N, C-alpha and C. Protein backbone atom coordinates (compact mmCIF):
# COMPACT_ATOMS: atom_id res chain seq x y z
N UNK A 1 9.87 -1.42 -25.82
CA UNK A 1 9.35 -0.65 -24.70
C UNK A 1 8.74 -1.60 -23.66
N UNK A 2 9.25 -1.57 -22.44
CA UNK A 2 8.76 -2.49 -21.41
C UNK A 2 7.42 -2.06 -20.84
N UNK A 3 7.00 -0.85 -21.10
CA UNK A 3 5.73 -0.38 -20.54
C UNK A 3 4.54 -0.75 -21.42
N UNK A 4 4.74 -1.41 -22.55
CA UNK A 4 3.64 -1.66 -23.47
C UNK A 4 2.58 -2.60 -22.91
N UNK A 5 2.83 -3.31 -21.83
CA UNK A 5 1.83 -4.22 -21.30
C UNK A 5 0.87 -3.53 -20.33
N UNK A 6 1.15 -2.29 -19.97
CA UNK A 6 0.21 -1.55 -19.12
C UNK A 6 -0.69 -0.74 -20.03
N UNK A 7 -2.00 -0.93 -19.88
CA UNK A 7 -2.96 -0.16 -20.64
C UNK A 7 -2.74 1.32 -20.34
N UNK A 8 -2.67 2.13 -21.37
CA UNK A 8 -2.36 3.55 -21.16
C UNK A 8 -3.57 4.36 -20.72
N UNK A 9 -4.76 3.78 -20.74
CA UNK A 9 -5.95 4.50 -20.27
C UNK A 9 -5.99 4.44 -18.75
N UNK A 10 -6.28 5.57 -18.13
CA UNK A 10 -6.36 5.63 -16.67
C UNK A 10 -7.75 5.21 -16.20
N UNK A 11 -7.79 4.49 -15.10
CA UNK A 11 -9.03 4.11 -14.45
C UNK A 11 -9.04 4.78 -13.08
N UNK A 12 -10.05 5.58 -12.81
CA UNK A 12 -10.15 6.23 -11.51
C UNK A 12 -10.72 5.24 -10.50
N UNK A 13 -10.01 5.04 -9.41
CA UNK A 13 -10.48 4.12 -8.36
C UNK A 13 -11.32 4.83 -7.30
N UNK A 14 -11.34 6.16 -7.35
CA UNK A 14 -12.07 6.95 -6.35
C UNK A 14 -12.74 8.11 -7.05
N UNK A 15 -14.05 8.26 -6.84
CA UNK A 15 -14.80 9.31 -7.51
C UNK A 15 -14.80 10.64 -6.77
N UNK A 16 -14.16 10.69 -5.59
CA UNK A 16 -14.06 11.93 -4.83
C UNK A 16 -15.24 12.19 -3.90
N UNK A 17 -16.30 11.38 -4.01
CA UNK A 17 -17.48 11.65 -3.19
C UNK A 17 -18.05 10.43 -2.48
N UNK A 18 -17.66 9.22 -2.92
CA UNK A 18 -18.24 8.02 -2.31
C UNK A 18 -17.20 6.91 -2.25
N UNK A 19 -17.56 5.83 -1.58
CA UNK A 19 -16.69 4.66 -1.50
C UNK A 19 -17.15 3.57 -2.48
N UNK A 20 -17.85 4.01 -3.54
CA UNK A 20 -18.26 3.07 -4.59
C UNK A 20 -17.01 2.44 -5.18
N UNK A 21 -17.05 1.12 -5.38
CA UNK A 21 -15.90 0.41 -5.94
C UNK A 21 -14.95 -0.14 -4.89
N UNK A 22 -15.33 -0.03 -3.62
CA UNK A 22 -14.48 -0.47 -2.51
C UNK A 22 -15.28 -1.34 -1.55
N UNK A 23 -14.57 -2.14 -0.77
CA UNK A 23 -15.17 -2.92 0.32
C UNK A 23 -14.08 -3.19 1.36
N UNK A 24 -14.48 -3.60 2.54
CA UNK A 24 -13.52 -3.97 3.57
C UNK A 24 -13.06 -5.41 3.32
N UNK A 25 -11.80 -5.67 3.62
CA UNK A 25 -11.21 -6.99 3.43
C UNK A 25 -12.10 -8.04 4.10
N UNK A 26 -12.43 -9.11 3.34
CA UNK A 26 -13.22 -10.21 3.88
C UNK A 26 -14.68 -9.89 4.07
N UNK A 27 -15.18 -8.81 3.47
CA UNK A 27 -16.57 -8.40 3.66
C UNK A 27 -17.12 -7.84 2.34
N UNK A 28 -18.43 -7.84 2.22
CA UNK A 28 -19.06 -7.21 1.05
C UNK A 28 -19.36 -5.75 1.30
N UNK A 29 -19.22 -5.31 2.55
CA UNK A 29 -19.56 -3.93 2.91
C UNK A 29 -18.31 -3.20 3.40
N UNK A 30 -18.53 -1.99 3.88
CA UNK A 30 -17.43 -1.15 4.38
C UNK A 30 -17.72 -0.79 5.82
N UNK A 31 -16.73 -0.96 6.70
CA UNK A 31 -16.89 -0.61 8.10
C UNK A 31 -17.12 0.89 8.28
N UNK A 32 -17.79 1.28 9.38
CA UNK A 32 -18.15 2.69 9.55
C UNK A 32 -16.98 3.60 9.92
N UNK A 33 -15.78 3.04 10.08
CA UNK A 33 -14.63 3.90 10.35
C UNK A 33 -14.14 4.58 9.07
N UNK A 34 -14.59 4.08 7.90
CA UNK A 34 -14.21 4.68 6.61
C UNK A 34 -15.26 5.70 6.18
N UNK A 35 -14.79 6.86 5.71
CA UNK A 35 -15.70 7.88 5.20
C UNK A 35 -14.96 8.75 4.19
N UNK A 36 -15.70 9.71 3.66
CA UNK A 36 -15.12 10.70 2.75
C UNK A 36 -15.04 12.01 3.53
N UNK A 37 -13.86 12.62 3.53
CA UNK A 37 -13.63 13.88 4.25
C UNK A 37 -12.85 14.81 3.32
N UNK A 38 -13.46 15.93 2.97
CA UNK A 38 -12.82 16.93 2.10
C UNK A 38 -12.33 16.33 0.78
N UNK A 39 -13.14 15.45 0.19
CA UNK A 39 -12.80 14.86 -1.10
C UNK A 39 -11.74 13.77 -1.05
N UNK A 40 -11.47 13.25 0.16
CA UNK A 40 -10.46 12.20 0.32
C UNK A 40 -11.05 11.03 1.11
N UNK A 41 -10.54 9.83 0.83
CA UNK A 41 -10.91 8.67 1.64
C UNK A 41 -10.21 8.82 2.98
N UNK A 42 -10.95 8.66 4.06
CA UNK A 42 -10.41 8.89 5.41
C UNK A 42 -10.80 7.73 6.31
N UNK A 43 -9.87 7.30 7.14
CA UNK A 43 -10.18 6.30 8.15
C UNK A 43 -10.07 6.94 9.52
N UNK A 44 -11.13 6.84 10.28
CA UNK A 44 -11.14 7.31 11.65
C UNK A 44 -10.69 6.14 12.52
N UNK A 45 -9.42 6.14 12.89
CA UNK A 45 -8.86 5.00 13.63
C UNK A 45 -9.42 4.87 15.04
N UNK A 46 -10.12 5.89 15.53
CA UNK A 46 -10.70 5.79 16.87
C UNK A 46 -12.12 5.22 16.85
N UNK A 47 -12.65 4.95 15.67
CA UNK A 47 -13.99 4.36 15.57
C UNK A 47 -13.98 2.97 16.18
N UNK A 48 -15.09 2.61 16.84
CA UNK A 48 -15.17 1.29 17.48
C UNK A 48 -15.15 0.17 16.46
N UNK A 49 -15.76 0.40 15.29
CA UNK A 49 -15.71 -0.56 14.20
C UNK A 49 -14.45 -0.26 13.42
N UNK A 50 -13.42 -1.07 13.57
CA UNK A 50 -12.17 -0.83 12.88
C UNK A 50 -12.32 -0.73 11.38
N UNK A 51 -13.33 -1.38 10.84
CA UNK A 51 -13.61 -1.23 9.43
C UNK A 51 -12.81 -2.12 8.53
N UNK A 52 -11.69 -2.61 9.00
CA UNK A 52 -10.85 -3.46 8.17
C UNK A 52 -10.14 -2.69 7.08
N UNK A 53 -9.22 -3.36 6.42
CA UNK A 53 -8.49 -2.74 5.31
C UNK A 53 -9.44 -2.54 4.15
N UNK A 54 -9.33 -1.41 3.49
CA UNK A 54 -10.16 -1.08 2.35
C UNK A 54 -9.55 -1.71 1.09
N UNK A 55 -10.38 -2.41 0.31
CA UNK A 55 -9.94 -3.15 -0.86
C UNK A 55 -10.72 -2.68 -2.08
N UNK A 56 -10.03 -2.50 -3.21
CA UNK A 56 -10.70 -2.20 -4.47
C UNK A 56 -11.53 -3.40 -4.89
N UNK A 57 -12.71 -3.15 -5.45
CA UNK A 57 -13.52 -4.25 -5.95
C UNK A 57 -12.90 -4.91 -7.18
N UNK A 58 -12.08 -4.17 -7.90
CA UNK A 58 -11.45 -4.68 -9.12
C UNK A 58 -10.02 -5.12 -8.85
N UNK A 59 -9.54 -6.04 -9.69
CA UNK A 59 -8.17 -6.56 -9.59
C UNK A 59 -7.38 -6.13 -10.81
N UNK A 60 -6.07 -5.97 -10.62
CA UNK A 60 -5.19 -5.53 -11.69
C UNK A 60 -3.91 -6.36 -11.67
N UNK A 61 -3.43 -6.75 -12.84
CA UNK A 61 -2.19 -7.51 -12.93
C UNK A 61 -1.00 -6.56 -13.05
N UNK A 62 -0.95 -5.78 -14.11
CA UNK A 62 0.05 -4.74 -14.29
C UNK A 62 -0.65 -3.41 -14.05
N UNK A 63 0.02 -2.49 -13.35
CA UNK A 63 -0.67 -1.24 -13.03
C UNK A 63 0.33 -0.13 -12.75
N UNK A 64 -0.19 1.09 -12.85
CA UNK A 64 0.51 2.32 -12.45
C UNK A 64 -0.47 3.04 -11.54
N UNK A 65 -0.29 2.89 -10.24
CA UNK A 65 -1.19 3.46 -9.24
C UNK A 65 -0.64 4.78 -8.74
N UNK A 66 -1.43 5.83 -8.86
CA UNK A 66 -1.04 7.14 -8.35
C UNK A 66 -2.07 7.59 -7.33
N UNK A 67 -1.58 8.09 -6.19
CA UNK A 67 -2.47 8.58 -5.15
C UNK A 67 -1.70 9.53 -4.24
N UNK A 68 -2.43 10.27 -3.46
CA UNK A 68 -1.84 11.11 -2.43
C UNK A 68 -2.28 10.57 -1.08
N UNK A 69 -1.37 10.57 -0.12
CA UNK A 69 -1.71 10.13 1.23
C UNK A 69 -1.13 11.09 2.25
N UNK A 70 -1.78 11.11 3.40
CA UNK A 70 -1.19 11.76 4.56
C UNK A 70 -1.56 10.92 5.76
N UNK A 71 -0.71 10.99 6.78
CA UNK A 71 -0.85 10.15 7.96
C UNK A 71 -0.94 11.05 9.18
N UNK A 72 -1.66 10.59 10.19
CA UNK A 72 -1.75 11.34 11.44
C UNK A 72 -0.43 11.25 12.21
N UNK A 73 -0.27 12.10 13.20
CA UNK A 73 0.93 12.04 14.03
C UNK A 73 1.02 10.66 14.70
N UNK A 74 2.19 10.05 14.60
CA UNK A 74 2.48 8.71 15.13
C UNK A 74 1.70 7.61 14.40
N UNK A 75 1.16 7.92 13.21
CA UNK A 75 0.35 6.96 12.47
C UNK A 75 1.18 5.93 11.71
N UNK A 76 0.52 4.81 11.42
CA UNK A 76 1.13 3.70 10.69
C UNK A 76 0.06 3.07 9.81
N UNK A 77 0.33 2.98 8.52
CA UNK A 77 -0.60 2.38 7.59
C UNK A 77 0.19 1.86 6.40
N UNK A 78 -0.48 1.60 5.28
CA UNK A 78 0.22 1.14 4.10
C UNK A 78 -0.68 1.00 2.92
N UNK A 79 -0.06 0.89 1.76
CA UNK A 79 -0.76 0.66 0.50
C UNK A 79 -0.34 -0.74 0.06
N UNK A 80 -1.24 -1.69 0.19
CA UNK A 80 -0.95 -3.08 -0.13
C UNK A 80 -1.50 -3.41 -1.51
N UNK A 81 -0.84 -4.33 -2.19
CA UNK A 81 -1.28 -4.72 -3.53
C UNK A 81 -1.06 -6.21 -3.71
N UNK A 82 -1.75 -6.77 -4.68
CA UNK A 82 -1.77 -8.21 -4.94
C UNK A 82 -2.30 -8.99 -3.73
N UNK A 83 -3.17 -8.35 -2.97
CA UNK A 83 -3.78 -8.97 -1.80
C UNK A 83 -4.80 -10.02 -2.26
N UNK A 84 -4.82 -11.16 -1.58
CA UNK A 84 -5.80 -12.20 -1.84
C UNK A 84 -6.95 -12.01 -0.86
N UNK A 85 -8.07 -11.54 -1.37
CA UNK A 85 -9.23 -11.25 -0.52
C UNK A 85 -10.05 -12.53 -0.35
N UNK A 86 -9.56 -13.40 0.50
CA UNK A 86 -10.16 -14.72 0.70
C UNK A 86 -10.15 -15.04 2.19
N UNK A 87 -11.02 -14.35 2.94
CA UNK A 87 -11.12 -14.58 4.37
C UNK A 87 -12.17 -15.66 4.59
N UNK A 88 -12.00 -16.60 5.45
CA UNK A 88 -11.02 -16.74 6.52
C UNK A 88 -9.73 -17.47 6.12
N UNK A 89 -9.62 -17.92 4.85
CA UNK A 89 -8.39 -18.61 4.45
C UNK A 89 -7.16 -17.76 4.78
N UNK A 90 -7.24 -16.46 4.45
CA UNK A 90 -6.18 -15.51 4.79
C UNK A 90 -6.78 -14.50 5.75
N UNK A 91 -6.28 -14.47 6.97
CA UNK A 91 -6.90 -13.63 7.99
C UNK A 91 -6.53 -12.16 7.90
N UNK A 92 -5.43 -11.83 7.21
CA UNK A 92 -4.98 -10.44 7.11
C UNK A 92 -4.45 -10.15 5.71
N UNK A 93 -4.63 -8.90 5.26
CA UNK A 93 -4.15 -8.50 3.94
C UNK A 93 -2.64 -8.66 3.82
N UNK A 94 -1.91 -8.29 4.85
CA UNK A 94 -0.45 -8.27 4.78
C UNK A 94 0.16 -9.67 4.71
N UNK A 95 -0.63 -10.69 4.90
CA UNK A 95 -0.12 -12.06 4.78
C UNK A 95 -0.12 -12.54 3.33
N UNK A 96 -0.68 -11.71 2.43
CA UNK A 96 -0.74 -12.12 1.02
C UNK A 96 -0.18 -11.07 0.06
N UNK A 97 -0.03 -9.82 0.47
CA UNK A 97 0.37 -8.79 -0.48
C UNK A 97 1.46 -7.88 0.04
N UNK A 98 2.39 -7.48 -0.86
CA UNK A 98 3.43 -6.52 -0.48
C UNK A 98 2.84 -5.15 -0.20
N UNK A 99 3.66 -4.27 0.36
CA UNK A 99 3.15 -2.98 0.87
C UNK A 99 4.16 -1.86 0.68
N UNK A 100 3.63 -0.72 0.22
CA UNK A 100 4.38 0.53 0.34
C UNK A 100 4.00 1.09 1.71
N UNK A 101 4.99 1.26 2.56
CA UNK A 101 4.74 1.72 3.93
C UNK A 101 4.29 3.18 3.94
N UNK A 102 3.28 3.46 4.76
CA UNK A 102 2.79 4.81 5.05
C UNK A 102 3.00 5.00 6.55
N UNK A 103 3.85 5.96 6.93
CA UNK A 103 4.25 6.06 8.34
C UNK A 103 4.63 7.49 8.70
N UNK A 104 4.40 7.85 9.94
CA UNK A 104 4.98 9.08 10.49
C UNK A 104 6.40 8.70 10.92
N UNK A 105 7.37 9.01 10.05
CA UNK A 105 8.76 8.63 10.30
C UNK A 105 9.38 9.36 11.49
N UNK A 106 8.76 10.43 11.95
CA UNK A 106 9.31 11.18 13.08
C UNK A 106 8.90 10.60 14.42
N UNK A 107 7.72 9.97 14.48
CA UNK A 107 7.17 9.59 15.78
C UNK A 107 6.90 8.10 15.98
N UNK A 108 6.54 7.38 14.93
CA UNK A 108 6.14 5.97 15.10
C UNK A 108 7.35 5.09 15.35
N UNK A 109 7.18 4.09 16.20
CA UNK A 109 8.26 3.17 16.57
C UNK A 109 8.87 2.44 15.37
N UNK A 110 8.07 2.19 14.33
CA UNK A 110 8.57 1.46 13.16
C UNK A 110 9.71 2.20 12.45
N UNK A 111 9.86 3.49 12.72
CA UNK A 111 10.93 4.27 12.06
C UNK A 111 12.32 3.71 12.39
N UNK A 112 12.42 2.94 13.47
CA UNK A 112 13.71 2.42 13.91
C UNK A 112 14.29 1.39 12.94
N UNK A 113 13.43 0.74 12.17
CA UNK A 113 13.88 -0.23 11.17
C UNK A 113 13.83 0.45 9.80
N UNK A 114 14.95 0.58 9.11
CA UNK A 114 14.97 1.30 7.83
C UNK A 114 13.94 0.80 6.80
N UNK A 115 13.71 -0.51 6.74
CA UNK A 115 12.75 -1.03 5.75
C UNK A 115 11.30 -0.89 6.21
N UNK A 116 11.09 -0.22 7.35
CA UNK A 116 9.73 0.04 7.84
C UNK A 116 9.38 1.51 7.73
N UNK A 117 10.25 2.33 7.14
CA UNK A 117 9.99 3.76 7.02
C UNK A 117 9.10 4.04 5.81
N UNK A 118 8.48 5.21 5.80
CA UNK A 118 7.56 5.61 4.74
C UNK A 118 8.19 5.46 3.37
N UNK A 119 7.40 4.92 2.43
CA UNK A 119 7.84 4.73 1.06
C UNK A 119 8.58 3.44 0.81
N UNK A 120 8.96 2.73 1.87
CA UNK A 120 9.70 1.47 1.73
C UNK A 120 8.80 0.34 1.24
N UNK A 121 9.41 -0.66 0.62
CA UNK A 121 8.74 -1.93 0.39
C UNK A 121 8.83 -2.62 1.74
N UNK A 122 7.74 -2.58 2.47
CA UNK A 122 7.74 -2.92 3.89
C UNK A 122 8.47 -4.22 4.21
N UNK A 123 9.41 -4.11 5.14
CA UNK A 123 10.20 -5.21 5.70
C UNK A 123 11.13 -5.88 4.69
N UNK A 124 11.29 -5.22 3.51
CA UNK A 124 12.19 -5.82 2.52
C UNK A 124 13.20 -4.83 1.94
N UNK A 125 12.76 -3.65 1.50
CA UNK A 125 13.69 -2.68 0.90
C UNK A 125 13.42 -1.29 1.47
N UNK A 126 14.46 -0.68 2.03
CA UNK A 126 14.35 0.68 2.55
C UNK A 126 14.18 1.66 1.39
N UNK A 127 13.25 2.59 1.55
CA UNK A 127 13.07 3.66 0.56
C UNK A 127 14.27 4.60 0.60
N UNK A 128 14.60 5.19 -0.54
CA UNK A 128 15.61 6.24 -0.57
C UNK A 128 15.22 7.30 0.46
N UNK A 129 16.10 7.63 1.41
CA UNK A 129 15.74 8.59 2.46
C UNK A 129 15.51 10.00 1.93
N UNK A 130 14.69 10.75 2.67
CA UNK A 130 14.51 12.18 2.41
C UNK A 130 13.34 12.55 1.53
N UNK A 131 12.58 11.57 1.01
CA UNK A 131 11.48 11.90 0.10
C UNK A 131 10.16 12.18 0.81
N UNK A 132 9.98 11.64 2.01
CA UNK A 132 8.69 11.74 2.70
C UNK A 132 8.51 13.11 3.36
N UNK A 133 7.26 13.58 3.32
CA UNK A 133 6.90 14.81 4.04
C UNK A 133 6.40 14.42 5.43
N UNK A 134 6.45 15.35 6.38
CA UNK A 134 6.04 15.05 7.76
C UNK A 134 4.56 14.67 7.88
N UNK A 135 4.21 14.09 9.01
CA UNK A 135 2.82 13.74 9.32
C UNK A 135 1.93 14.96 9.08
N UNK A 136 0.70 14.67 8.67
CA UNK A 136 -0.34 15.66 8.42
C UNK A 136 -0.09 16.51 7.18
N UNK A 137 0.89 16.10 6.34
CA UNK A 137 1.10 16.74 5.04
C UNK A 137 0.91 15.68 3.95
N UNK A 138 0.43 16.14 2.79
CA UNK A 138 0.18 15.23 1.67
C UNK A 138 1.49 14.77 1.03
N UNK A 139 1.54 13.49 0.69
CA UNK A 139 2.64 12.87 -0.03
C UNK A 139 2.08 12.27 -1.32
N UNK A 140 2.73 12.53 -2.44
CA UNK A 140 2.33 11.96 -3.73
C UNK A 140 3.06 10.63 -3.91
N UNK A 141 2.29 9.56 -4.02
CA UNK A 141 2.87 8.22 -4.16
C UNK A 141 2.51 7.63 -5.52
N UNK A 142 3.42 6.83 -6.05
CA UNK A 142 3.16 6.09 -7.29
C UNK A 142 3.80 4.72 -7.15
N UNK A 143 3.02 3.70 -7.48
CA UNK A 143 3.50 2.32 -7.48
C UNK A 143 3.27 1.79 -8.89
N UNK A 144 4.35 1.34 -9.52
CA UNK A 144 4.24 0.77 -10.86
C UNK A 144 4.68 -0.69 -10.79
N UNK A 145 3.78 -1.57 -11.21
CA UNK A 145 4.09 -2.99 -11.31
C UNK A 145 3.86 -3.40 -12.75
N UNK A 146 4.93 -3.84 -13.41
CA UNK A 146 4.85 -4.19 -14.82
C UNK A 146 5.64 -5.47 -15.09
N UNK A 147 4.92 -6.56 -15.27
CA UNK A 147 5.55 -7.85 -15.58
C UNK A 147 6.64 -8.21 -14.57
N UNK A 148 6.37 -7.96 -13.29
CA UNK A 148 7.31 -8.30 -12.22
C UNK A 148 8.24 -7.19 -11.81
N UNK A 149 8.43 -6.17 -12.64
CA UNK A 149 9.27 -5.03 -12.27
C UNK A 149 8.43 -4.12 -11.38
N UNK A 150 8.98 -3.76 -10.23
CA UNK A 150 8.26 -2.96 -9.24
C UNK A 150 9.04 -1.69 -8.94
N UNK A 151 8.37 -0.55 -9.07
CA UNK A 151 8.97 0.76 -8.78
C UNK A 151 8.04 1.56 -7.89
N UNK A 152 8.62 2.17 -6.86
CA UNK A 152 7.89 3.09 -5.98
C UNK A 152 8.47 4.48 -6.15
N UNK A 153 7.59 5.47 -6.21
CA UNK A 153 7.96 6.88 -6.23
C UNK A 153 7.24 7.56 -5.08
N UNK A 154 7.93 8.46 -4.41
CA UNK A 154 7.34 9.25 -3.34
C UNK A 154 7.75 10.70 -3.55
N UNK A 155 6.76 11.55 -3.77
CA UNK A 155 6.99 12.97 -4.02
C UNK A 155 7.99 13.18 -5.15
N UNK A 156 7.84 12.37 -6.20
CA UNK A 156 8.67 12.50 -7.40
C UNK A 156 10.03 11.82 -7.32
N UNK A 157 10.38 11.27 -6.17
CA UNK A 157 11.67 10.59 -5.99
C UNK A 157 11.48 9.08 -6.18
N UNK A 158 12.32 8.47 -7.01
CA UNK A 158 12.28 7.02 -7.22
C UNK A 158 12.90 6.38 -5.98
N UNK A 159 12.06 5.82 -5.09
CA UNK A 159 12.53 5.39 -3.77
C UNK A 159 12.78 3.88 -3.66
N UNK A 160 12.16 3.08 -4.54
CA UNK A 160 12.36 1.62 -4.50
C UNK A 160 12.27 1.10 -5.93
N UNK A 161 13.17 0.20 -6.28
CA UNK A 161 12.99 -0.58 -7.51
C UNK A 161 13.51 -1.98 -7.27
N UNK A 162 12.74 -2.94 -7.76
CA UNK A 162 13.10 -4.35 -7.59
C UNK A 162 12.32 -5.16 -8.61
N UNK A 163 12.57 -6.43 -8.62
CA UNK A 163 11.81 -7.36 -9.45
C UNK A 163 11.15 -8.37 -8.53
N UNK A 164 9.86 -8.54 -8.69
CA UNK A 164 9.11 -9.49 -7.88
C UNK A 164 9.24 -10.90 -8.46
N UNK A 165 9.18 -11.87 -7.58
CA UNK A 165 9.04 -13.28 -7.91
C UNK A 165 10.28 -13.91 -8.53
N UNK A 166 11.44 -13.23 -8.50
CA UNK A 166 12.67 -13.86 -8.97
C UNK A 166 13.44 -14.39 -7.76
N UNK A 167 14.66 -14.91 -7.98
CA UNK A 167 15.45 -15.48 -6.88
C UNK A 167 15.76 -14.45 -5.81
N UNK A 168 16.08 -13.22 -6.21
CA UNK A 168 16.38 -12.17 -5.23
C UNK A 168 15.14 -11.86 -4.39
N UNK A 169 13.97 -11.79 -5.04
CA UNK A 169 12.71 -11.55 -4.33
C UNK A 169 12.50 -12.65 -3.29
N UNK A 170 12.67 -13.89 -3.72
CA UNK A 170 12.47 -15.03 -2.81
C UNK A 170 13.42 -14.95 -1.62
N UNK A 171 14.65 -14.48 -1.83
CA UNK A 171 15.60 -14.30 -0.72
C UNK A 171 15.14 -13.20 0.22
N UNK A 172 14.61 -12.09 -0.35
CA UNK A 172 14.11 -11.00 0.51
C UNK A 172 12.93 -11.47 1.34
N UNK A 173 12.02 -12.22 0.74
CA UNK A 173 10.88 -12.74 1.48
C UNK A 173 11.36 -13.68 2.58
N UNK A 174 12.34 -14.53 2.26
CA UNK A 174 12.87 -15.48 3.25
C UNK A 174 13.54 -14.76 4.42
N UNK A 175 14.03 -13.55 4.20
CA UNK A 175 14.67 -12.77 5.26
C UNK A 175 13.72 -11.82 5.96
N UNK A 176 12.42 -11.90 5.66
CA UNK A 176 11.44 -11.00 6.25
C UNK A 176 10.45 -11.79 7.10
N UNK A 177 9.54 -11.06 7.74
CA UNK A 177 8.51 -11.74 8.52
C UNK A 177 7.51 -12.48 7.63
N UNK A 178 7.51 -12.18 6.33
CA UNK A 178 6.56 -12.79 5.41
C UNK A 178 6.89 -14.25 5.09
N UNK A 179 8.07 -14.70 5.48
CA UNK A 179 8.49 -16.08 5.19
C UNK A 179 7.53 -17.11 5.78
N UNK A 180 6.81 -16.72 6.82
CA UNK A 180 5.90 -17.64 7.50
C UNK A 180 4.55 -17.75 6.81
N UNK A 181 4.30 -16.94 5.76
CA UNK A 181 3.01 -16.92 5.11
C UNK A 181 3.15 -17.30 3.64
N UNK A 182 2.87 -18.55 3.30
CA UNK A 182 3.06 -19.06 1.94
C UNK A 182 2.33 -18.27 0.86
N UNK A 183 1.20 -17.67 1.17
CA UNK A 183 0.42 -16.92 0.17
C UNK A 183 1.09 -15.59 -0.18
N UNK A 184 2.06 -15.15 0.62
CA UNK A 184 2.75 -13.90 0.31
C UNK A 184 3.55 -14.08 -0.95
């Protein structure tokens, strides 16, 4: 069984009421653009303090991450993992960690590139089309990383599968914008 290296006990990363266990990238605190709204973590993108990317205080090697997300109209975001939280050495999260794209596929300009659409392994593998729900609706996402095997699910559909850190992965990175960032 290839799943035996993932601990079967679930760890909740969000308690539903606070941002305990989280911080902004490169900071010990959380910017004021982040809050809790109706039992969900919410970012107010119009806040003057951008707040930075939200990072879990804990690190995980193999994991099965389940969450629900929704995006505003014309919104663009992502779920990044294996990020190296070492600012100023790394100025941005996306220069060190891969991403499941979170996007309004109907309105945002990134929809024009298939590997930039919602559920995709950003800039490397296009998600299986048709799984994403429209902006302002909840999407159930799951990212499983187990000993280099990477699988993305969106609303129950297996949308991406690949192996990280092998020759094919290195070729995908070399063909993406991430080729310029050695820590990726």
